Amino acid sequence: MSPDCGNLYERTAHDKPGGHYRGTATSTWAITWTAPALGDEGTLTETRQTAWTARVGEVQVVN
């Protein structure tokens, strides 16, 4: 399970391809707009994805 704005790594990435964790970050925006003077309205949904890598070389545990 990941925190809301990050990732929790419990092991180093030494055994992963290239020594890095890999993933994809995705964000979706849903926008509703109106133009009363024109009698117009609509919705727009935009989704963006970005690939990422993270090299984790050391993991420490605090209890």
C-alpha atoms as a PDB file:
ATOM      1  CA  MET A   1       0.000   0.000   0.000  1.00  0.00           C
ATOM      2  CA  SER A   2       1.329   3.454  -0.930  1.00  0.00           C
ATOM      3  CA  PRO A   3       0.904   6.739   0.899  1.00  0.00           C
ATOM      4  CA  ASP A   4      -1.288   9.345  -0.867  1.00  0.00           C
ATOM      5  CA  CYS A   5       1.632  11.170  -2.480  1.00  0.00           C
ATOM      6  CA  GLY A   6       4.498   8.730  -2.630  1.00  0.00           C
ATOM      7  CA  ASN A   7       5.610   5.136  -2.597  1.00  0.00           C
ATOM      8  CA  LEU A   8       6.709   2.903   0.229  1.00  0.00           C
ATOM      9  CA  TYR A   9       9.833   0.868  -0.565  1.00  0.00           C
ATOM     10  CA  GLU A  10      10.618  -2.009   1.759  1.00  0.00           C
ATOM     11  CA  ARG A  11      13.542  -3.399  -0.260  1.00  0.00           C
ATOM     12  CA  THR A  12      16.366  -1.990  -2.356  1.00  0.00           C
ATOM     13  CA  ALA A  13      16.095  -2.111  -6.139  1.00  0.00           C
ATOM     14  CA  HIS A  14      19.328  -4.075  -6.667  1.00  0.00           C
ATOM     15  CA  ASP A  15      17.452  -7.116  -8.054  1.00  0.00           C
ATOM     16  CA  LYS A  16      15.185  -5.055 -10.359  1.00  0.00           C
ATOM     17  CA  PRO A  17      15.997  -4.508 -14.062  1.00  0.00           C
ATOM     18  CA  GLY A  18      18.687  -1.838 -14.284  1.00  0.00           C
ATOM     19  CA  GLY A  19      18.656  -1.524 -10.476  1.00  0.00           C
ATOM     20  CA  HIS A  20      15.552   0.707 -10.584  1.00  0.00           C
ATOM     21  CA  TYR A  21      11.911   0.440  -9.652  1.00  0.00           C
ATOM     22  CA  ARG A  22       9.708   1.460 -12.580  1.00  0.00           C
ATOM     23  CA  GLY A  23       6.136   2.697 -12.770  1.00  0.00           C
ATOM     24  CA  THR A  24       3.671   5.104 -14.328  1.00  0.00           C
ATOM     25  CA  ALA A  25       2.133   8.160 -12.700  1.00  0.00           C
ATOM     26  CA  THR A  26      -1.380   9.010 -13.905  1.00  0.00           C
ATOM     27  CA  SER A  27      -3.445  12.140 -13.279  1.00  0.00           C
ATOM     28  CA  THR A  28      -6.978  12.806 -14.496  1.00  0.00           C
ATOM     29  CA  TRP A  29      -8.694  16.197 -14.532  1.00  0.00           C
ATOM     30  CA  ALA A  30     -12.474  16.454 -14.972  1.00  0.00           C
ATOM     31  CA  ILE A  31     -13.654  20.001 -15.744  1.00  0.00           C
ATOM     32  CA  THR A  32     -17.199  21.302 -16.085  1.00  0.00           C
ATOM     33  CA  TRP A  33     -17.530  24.720 -17.703  1.00  0.00           C
ATOM     34  CA  THR A  34     -20.323  27.159 -18.561  1.00  0.00           C
ATOM     35  CA  ALA A  35     -20.613  30.238 -20.765  1.00  0.00           C
ATOM     36  CA  PRO A  36     -24.024  31.676 -19.756  1.00  0.00           C
ATOM     37  CA  ALA A  37     -23.812  34.617 -22.163  1.00  0.00           C
ATOM     38  CA  LEU A  38     -23.508  32.151 -25.040  1.00  0.00           C
ATOM     39  CA  GLY A  39     -25.895  29.580 -23.583  1.00  0.00           C
ATOM     40  CA  ASP A  40     -23.130  26.993 -23.781  1.00  0.00           C
ATOM     41  CA  GLU A  41     -21.639  24.476 -21.359  1.00  0.00           C
ATOM     42  CA  GLY A  42     -19.676  21.270 -21.407  1.00  0.00           C
ATOM     43  CA  THR A  43     -17.234  18.953 -19.769  1.00  0.00           C
ATOM     44  CA  LEU A  44     -13.616  18.175 -20.479  1.00  0.00           C
ATOM     45  CA  THR A  45     -11.640  15.221 -19.173  1.00  0.00           C
ATOM     46  CA  GLU A  46      -7.870  15.164 -19.559  1.00  0.00           C
ATOM     47  CA  THR A  47      -5.658  12.233 -18.549  1.00  0.00           C
ATOM     48  CA  ARG A  48      -1.862  12.391 -18.525  1.00  0.00           C
ATOM     49  CA  GLN A  49       0.622   9.601 -17.860  1.00  0.00           C
ATOM     50  CA  THR A  50       4.347   9.808 -17.164  1.00  0.00           C
ATOM     51  CA  ALA A  51       6.762   6.902 -16.781  1.00  0.00           C
ATOM     52  CA  TRP A  52       9.175   7.100 -13.842  1.00  0.00           C
ATOM     53  CA  THR A  53      12.111   5.189 -12.350  1.00  0.00           C
ATOM     54  CA  ALA A  54      13.488   5.212  -8.818  1.00  0.00           C
ATOM     55  CA  ARG A  55      16.826   3.826  -7.676  1.00  0.00           C
ATOM     56  CA  VAL A  56      16.532   2.670  -4.055  1.00  0.00           C
ATOM     57  CA  GLY A  57      19.993   1.784  -2.736  1.00  0.00           C
ATOM     58  CA  GLU A  58      19.364   1.669   1.004  1.00  0.00           C
ATOM     59  CA  VAL A  59      16.332   1.039   3.196  1.00  0.00           C
ATOM     60  CA  GLN A  60      16.271   1.916   6.896  1.00  0.00           C
ATOM     61  CA  VAL A  61      13.690   0.869   9.448  1.00  0.00           C
ATOM     62  CA  VAL A  62      12.766   3.031  12.427  1.00  0.00           C
ATOM     63  CA  ASN A  63      10.587   1.557  15.135  1.00  0.00           C
END
